[in-house]
Amino acid sequence: MTHPPQLHGHTFALPSRLRKDTVLMAPMESLAIDLDADNAGDRMIHCLDTYHAEAGMTVASKYS
């Protein structure tokens, strides 16, 4: 199933150098990104598909 993971509080660069906070990923796909986590605080990464997020595809992280 396709997933649109979203990173709160930061953007990341894709290999094309396009900066985003959400990217659509195919099943079992991996993606190299360039992330500079320079925005301190509590952040969340989650699937924008509400069913997936409520089923547990949500991670909280702290950047300091």
PDB file of N, CA and C in Angstrom:
ATOM      1  N   MET A   1       0.841  -1.175   0.000  1.00  0.00           N
ATOM      2  CA  MET A   1       0.000   0.000   0.000  1.00  0.00           C
ATOM      3  C   MET A   1       0.893   1.247   0.000  1.00  0.00           C
ATOM      4  N   THR A   2       0.519   2.241  -0.731  1.00  0.00           N
ATOM      5  CA  THR A   2       1.267   3.492  -0.807  1.00  0.00           C
ATOM      6  C   THR A   2       1.095   4.283   0.489  1.00  0.00           C
ATOM      7  N   HIS A   3       2.173   4.972   0.904  1.00  0.00           N
ATOM      8  CA  HIS A   3       2.146   5.765   2.133  1.00  0.00           C
ATOM      9  C   HIS A   3       2.686   7.159   1.861  1.00  0.00           C
ATOM     10  N   PRO A   4       2.054   8.189   2.433  1.00  0.00           N
ATOM     11  CA  PRO A   4       2.578   9.541   2.362  1.00  0.00           C
ATOM     12  C   PRO A   4       3.111   9.984   3.743  1.00  0.00           C
ATOM     13  N   PRO A   5       4.351   9.599   4.116  1.00  0.00           N
ATOM     14  CA  PRO A   5       4.870  10.029   5.409  1.00  0.00           C
ATOM     15  C   PRO A   5       5.154  11.532   5.425  1.00  0.00           C
ATOM     16  N   GLN A   6       4.842  12.152   6.557  1.00  0.00           N
ATOM     17  CA  GLN A   6       5.062  13.589   6.720  1.00  0.00           C
ATOM     18  C   GLN A   6       5.941  13.829   7.941  1.00  0.00           C
ATOM     19  N   LEU A   7       6.922  14.710   7.788  1.00  0.00           N
ATOM     20  CA  LEU A   7       7.835  15.112   8.856  1.00  0.00           C
ATOM     21  C   LEU A   7       7.439  16.513   9.307  1.00  0.00           C
ATOM     22  N   HIS A   8       7.102  16.673  10.572  1.00  0.00           N
ATOM     23  CA  HIS A   8       6.706  17.982  11.103  1.00  0.00           C
ATOM     24  C   HIS A   8       7.925  18.774  11.557  1.00  0.00           C
ATOM     25  N   GLY A   9       7.923  20.066  11.310  1.00  0.00           N
ATOM     26  CA  GLY A   9       8.943  20.967  11.831  1.00  0.00           C
ATOM     27  C   GLY A   9      10.225  21.047  11.034  1.00  0.00           C
ATOM     28  N   HIS A  10      10.362  20.270   9.992  1.00  0.00           N
ATOM     29  CA  HIS A  10      11.567  20.269   9.158  1.00  0.00           C
ATOM     30  C   HIS A  10      11.170  20.026   7.712  1.00  0.00           C
ATOM     31  N   THR A  11      12.076  20.348   6.819  1.00  0.00           N
ATOM     32  CA  THR A  11      11.954  19.915   5.434  1.00  0.00           C
ATOM     33  C   THR A  11      13.179  19.077   5.120  1.00  0.00           C
ATOM     34  N   PHE A  12      13.099  18.308   4.066  1.00  0.00           N
ATOM     35  CA  PHE A  12      14.225  17.496   3.637  1.00  0.00           C
ATOM     36  C   PHE A  12      14.368  17.636   2.133  1.00  0.00           C
ATOM     37  N   ALA A  13      15.571  17.372   1.634  1.00  0.00           N
ATOM     38  CA  ALA A  13      15.819  17.457   0.197  1.00  0.00           C
ATOM     39  C   ALA A  13      15.807  16.057  -0.396  1.00  0.00           C
ATOM     40  N   LEU A  14      15.112  15.910  -1.484  1.00  0.00           N
ATOM     41  CA  LEU A  14      15.119  14.673  -2.253  1.00  0.00           C
ATOM     42  C   LEU A  14      16.344  14.678  -3.172  1.00  0.00           C
ATOM     43  N   PRO A  15      16.686  13.549  -3.790  1.00  0.00           N
ATOM     44  CA  PRO A  15      17.830  13.530  -4.710  1.00  0.00           C
ATOM     45  C   PRO A  15      17.731  14.592  -5.810  1.00  0.00           C
ATOM     46  N   SER A  16      16.514  14.981  -6.183  1.00  0.00           N
ATOM     47  CA  SER A  16      16.329  16.032  -7.201  1.00  0.00           C
ATOM     48  C   SER A  16      16.619  17.422  -6.635  1.00  0.00           C
ATOM     49  N   ARG A  17      16.903  17.498  -5.335  1.00  0.00           N
ATOM     50  CA  ARG A  17      17.159  18.737  -4.575  1.00  0.00           C
ATOM     51  C   ARG A  17      15.879  19.482  -4.229  1.00  0.00           C
ATOM     52  N   LEU A  18      14.718  18.953  -4.608  1.00  0.00           N
ATOM     53  CA  LEU A  18      13.438  19.533  -4.229  1.00  0.00           C
ATOM     54  C   LEU A  18      13.246  19.359  -2.730  1.00  0.00           C
ATOM     55  N   ARG A  19      12.856  20.419  -2.022  1.00  0.00           N
ATOM     56  CA  ARG A  19      12.649  20.356  -0.573  1.00  0.00           C
ATOM     57  C   ARG A  19      11.171  20.133  -0.282  1.00  0.00           C
ATOM     58  N   LYS A  20      10.900  19.195   0.650  1.00  0.00           N
ATOM     59  CA  LYS A  20       9.534  18.828   0.982  1.00  0.00           C
ATOM     60  C   LYS A  20       9.443  18.463   2.460  1.00  0.00           C
ATOM     61  N   ASP A  21       8.211  18.309   2.959  1.00  0.00           N
ATOM     62  CA  ASP A  21       8.008  17.728   4.288  1.00  0.00           C
ATOM     63  C   ASP A  21       7.172  16.455   4.193  1.00  0.00           C
ATOM     64  N   THR A  22       6.682  16.149   2.992  1.00  0.00           N
ATOM     65  CA  THR A  22       5.880  14.954   2.737  1.00  0.00           C
ATOM     66  C   THR A  22       6.276  14.391   1.376  1.00  0.00           C
ATOM     67  N   VAL A  23       6.299  13.065   1.286  1.00  0.00           N
ATOM     68  CA  VAL A  23       6.620  12.428   0.002  1.00  0.00           C
ATOM     69  C   VAL A  23       5.790  11.155  -0.121  1.00  0.00           C
ATOM     70  N   LEU A  24       5.294  10.863  -1.297  1.00  0.00           N
ATOM     71  CA  LEU A  24       4.508   9.659  -1.537  1.00  0.00           C
ATOM     72  C   LEU A  24       5.462   8.504  -1.837  1.00  0.00           C
ATOM     73  N   MET A  25       5.335   7.418  -1.057  1.00  0.00           N
ATOM     74  CA  MET A  25       6.233   6.279  -1.202  1.00  0.00           C
ATOM     75  C   MET A  25       5.460   5.012  -1.527  1.00  0.00           C
ATOM     76  N   ALA A  26       6.003   4.238  -2.453  1.00  0.00           N
ATOM     77  CA  ALA A  26       5.407   2.962  -2.850  1.00  0.00           C
ATOM     78  C   ALA A  26       5.681   1.912  -1.773  1.00  0.00           C
ATOM     79  N   PRO A  27       4.945   0.811  -1.777  1.00  0.00           N
ATOM     80  CA  PRO A  27       5.182  -0.262  -0.803  1.00  0.00           C
ATOM     81  C   PRO A  27       6.634  -0.737  -0.835  1.00  0.00           C
ATOM     82  N   MET A  28       7.228  -0.859   0.333  1.00  0.00           N
ATOM     83  CA  MET A  28       8.600  -1.353   0.528  1.00  0.00           C
ATOM     84  C   MET A  28       9.659  -0.452  -0.107  1.00  0.00           C
ATOM     85  N   GLU A  29       9.306   0.754  -0.505  1.00  0.00           N
ATOM     86  CA  GLU A  29      10.265   1.682  -1.099  1.00  0.00           C
ATOM     87  C   GLU A  29      11.112   2.324   0.001  1.00  0.00           C
ATOM     88  N   SER A  30      12.379   2.543  -0.286  1.00  0.00           N
ATOM     89  CA  SER A  30      13.226   3.331   0.607  1.00  0.00           C
ATOM     90  C   SER A  30      13.701   4.546  -0.181  1.00  0.00           C
ATOM     91  N   LEU A  31      14.051   5.594   0.526  1.00  0.00           N
ATOM     92  CA  LEU A  31      14.388   6.842  -0.131  1.00  0.00           C
ATOM     93  C   LEU A  31      15.498   7.536   0.646  1.00  0.00           C
ATOM     94  N   ALA A  32      16.564   7.906  -0.034  1.00  0.00           N
ATOM     95  CA  ALA A  32      17.641   8.673   0.592  1.00  0.00           C
ATOM     96  C   ALA A  32      17.237  10.146   0.586  1.00  0.00           C
ATOM     97  N   ILE A  33      17.343  10.782   1.733  1.00  0.00           N
ATOM     98  CA  ILE A  33      17.014  12.207   1.835  1.00  0.00           C
ATOM     99  C   ILE A  33      18.165  12.939   2.512  1.00  0.00           C
ATOM    100  N   ASP A  34      18.207  14.244   2.323  1.00  0.00           N
ATOM    101  CA  ASP A  34      19.179  15.101   2.985  1.00  0.00           C
ATOM    102  C   ASP A  34      18.402  15.916   4.016  1.00  0.00           C
ATOM    103  N   LEU A  35      18.638  15.628   5.308  1.00  0.00           N
ATOM    104  CA  LEU A  35      17.899  16.279   6.394  1.00  0.00           C
ATOM    105  C   LEU A  35      18.876  16.997   7.315  1.00  0.00           C
ATOM    106  N   ASP A  36      18.634  18.268   7.551  1.00  0.00           N
ATOM    107  CA  ASP A  36      19.387  19.038   8.531  1.00  0.00           C
ATOM    108  C   ASP A  36      18.405  19.360   9.655  1.00  0.00           C
ATOM    109  N   ALA A  37      18.428  18.558  10.728  1.00  0.00           N
ATOM    110  CA  ALA A  37      17.483  18.704  11.836  1.00  0.00           C
ATOM    111  C   ALA A  37      17.929  19.861  12.727  1.00  0.00           C
ATOM    112  N   ASP A  38      17.663  21.084  12.273  1.00  0.00           N
ATOM    113  CA  ASP A  38      18.138  22.286  12.959  1.00  0.00           C
ATOM    114  C   ASP A  38      17.012  23.086  13.621  1.00  0.00           C
ATOM    115  N   ASN A  39      15.856  22.494  13.775  1.00  0.00           N
ATOM    116  CA  ASN A  39      14.715  23.167  14.384  1.00  0.00           C
ATOM    117  C   ASN A  39      14.366  22.406  15.669  1.00  0.00           C
ATOM    118  N   ALA A  40      14.927  22.857  16.783  1.00  0.00           N
ATOM    119  CA  ALA A  40      14.792  22.141  18.059  1.00  0.00           C
ATOM    120  C   ALA A  40      13.336  22.036  18.497  1.00  0.00           C
ATOM    121  N   GLY A  41      13.030  20.957  19.202  1.00  0.00           N
ATOM    122  CA  GLY A  41      11.696  20.782  19.763  1.00  0.00           C
ATOM    123  C   GLY A  41      11.148  19.394  19.514  1.00  0.00           C
ATOM    124  N   ASP A  42       9.928  19.176  19.989  1.00  0.00           N
ATOM    125  CA  ASP A  42       9.242  17.905  19.787  1.00  0.00           C
ATOM    126  C   ASP A  42       8.657  17.881  18.379  1.00  0.00           C
ATOM    127  N   ARG A  43       8.892  16.798  17.674  1.00  0.00           N
ATOM    128  CA  ARG A  43       8.414  16.672  16.299  1.00  0.00           C
ATOM    129  C   ARG A  43       7.749  15.321  16.107  1.00  0.00           C
ATOM    130  N   MET A  44       6.961  15.194  15.066  1.00  0.00           N
ATOM    131  CA  MET A  44       6.267  13.946  14.775  1.00  0.00           C
ATOM    132  C   MET A  44       6.482  13.581  13.309  1.00  0.00           C
ATOM    133  N   ILE A  45       6.639  12.294  13.061  1.00  0.00           N
ATOM    134  CA  ILE A  45       6.644  11.732  11.716  1.00  0.00           C
ATOM    135  C   ILE A  45       5.455  10.775  11.680  1.00  0.00           C
ATOM    136  N   HIS A  46       4.586  10.923  10.691  1.00  0.00           N
ATOM    137  CA  HIS A  46       3.416  10.049  10.633  1.00  0.00           C
ATOM    138  C   HIS A  46       2.954   9.891   9.198  1.00  0.00           C
ATOM    139  N   CYS A  47       2.176   8.851   8.965  1.00  0.00           N
ATOM    140  CA  CYS A  47       1.551   8.631   7.669  1.00  0.00           C
ATOM    141  C   CYS A  47       0.328   9.541   7.589  1.00  0.00           C
ATOM    142  N   LEU A  48       0.178  10.257   6.469  1.00  0.00           N
ATOM    143  CA  LEU A  48      -0.973  11.143   6.312  1.00  0.00           C
ATOM    144  C   LEU A  48      -2.278  10.388   6.071  1.00  0.00           C
ATOM    145  N   ASP A  49      -2.202   9.106   5.799  1.00  0.00           N
ATOM    146  CA  ASP A  49      -3.402   8.285   5.715  1.00  0.00           C
ATOM    147  C   ASP A  49      -3.880   8.071   7.150  1.00  0.00           C
ATOM    148  N   THR A  50      -5.021   8.641   7.506  1.00  0.00           N
ATOM    149  CA  THR A  50      -5.502   8.613   8.889  1.00  0.00           C
ATOM    150  C   THR A  50      -5.629   7.197   9.432  1.00  0.00           C
ATOM    151  N   TYR A  51      -6.103   6.277   8.620  1.00  0.00           N
ATOM    152  CA  TYR A  51      -6.221   4.889   9.056  1.00  0.00           C
ATOM    153  C   TYR A  51      -4.851   4.346   9.465  1.00  0.00           C
ATOM    154  N   HIS A  52      -3.822   4.621   8.668  1.00  0.00           N
ATOM    155  CA  HIS A  52      -2.470   4.150   8.975  1.00  0.00           C
ATOM    156  C   HIS A  52      -1.931   4.823  10.239  1.00  0.00           C
ATOM    157  N   ALA A  53      -2.110   6.129  10.359  1.00  0.00           N
ATOM    158  CA  ALA A  53      -1.621   6.854  11.539  1.00  0.00           C
ATOM    159  C   ALA A  53      -2.271   6.322  12.811  1.00  0.00           C
ATOM    160  N   GLU A  54      -3.574   6.117  12.777  1.00  0.00           N
ATOM    161  CA  GLU A  54      -4.280   5.606  13.951  1.00  0.00           C
ATOM    162  C   GLU A  54      -3.901   4.165  14.266  1.00  0.00           C
ATOM    163  N   ALA A  55      -3.440   3.418  13.259  1.00  0.00           N
ATOM    164  CA  ALA A  55      -3.017   2.038  13.457  1.00  0.00           C
ATOM    165  C   ALA A  55      -1.578   1.957  13.971  1.00  0.00           C
ATOM    166  N   GLY A  56      -0.898   3.106  14.106  1.00  0.00           N
ATOM    167  CA  GLY A  56       0.432   3.096  14.700  1.00  0.00           C
ATOM    168  C   GLY A  56       1.555   3.649  13.861  1.00  0.00           C
ATOM    169  N   MET A  57       1.299   4.109  12.659  1.00  0.00           N
ATOM    170  CA  MET A  57       2.368   4.659  11.822  1.00  0.00           C
ATOM    171  C   MET A  57       2.620   6.119  12.204  1.00  0.00           C
ATOM    172  N   THR A  58       3.011   6.297  13.461  1.00  0.00           N
ATOM    173  CA  THR A  58       3.299   7.620  14.017  1.00  0.00           C
ATOM    174  C   THR A  58       4.487   7.481  14.956  1.00  0.00           C
ATOM    175  N   VAL A  59       5.452   8.398  14.824  1.00  0.00           N
ATOM    176  CA  VAL A  59       6.651   8.379  15.658  1.00  0.00           C
ATOM    177  C   VAL A  59       6.886   9.799  16.176  1.00  0.00           C
ATOM    178  N   ALA A  60       7.114   9.932  17.463  1.00  0.00           N
ATOM    179  CA  ALA A  60       7.467  11.232  18.049  1.00  0.00           C
ATOM    180  C   ALA A  60       8.967  11.264  18.266  1.00  0.00           C
ATOM    181  N   SER A  61       9.593  12.394  17.956  1.00  0.00           N
ATOM    182  CA  SER A  61      11.036  12.579  18.118  1.00  0.00           C
ATOM    183  C   SER A  61      11.315  13.910  18.777  1.00  0.00           C
ATOM    184  N   LYS A  62      12.429  14.009  19.464  1.00  0.00           N
ATOM    185  CA  LYS A  62      12.848  15.269  20.077  1.00  0.00           C
ATOM    186  C   LYS A  62      14.168  15.677  19.459  1.00  0.00           C
ATOM    187  N   TYR A  63      14.210  16.861  18.900  1.00  0.00           N
ATOM    188  CA  TYR A  63      15.433  17.423  18.323  1.00  0.00           C
ATOM    189  C   TYR A  63      15.929  18.507  19.262  1.00  0.00           C
ATOM    190  N   SER A  64      17.203  18.442  19.612  1.00  0.00           N
ATOM    191  CA  SER A  64      17.746  19.481  20.500  1.00  0.00           C
ATOM    192  C   SER A  64      19.020  20.054  19.946  1.00  0.00           C
TER     193      SER A  64
END
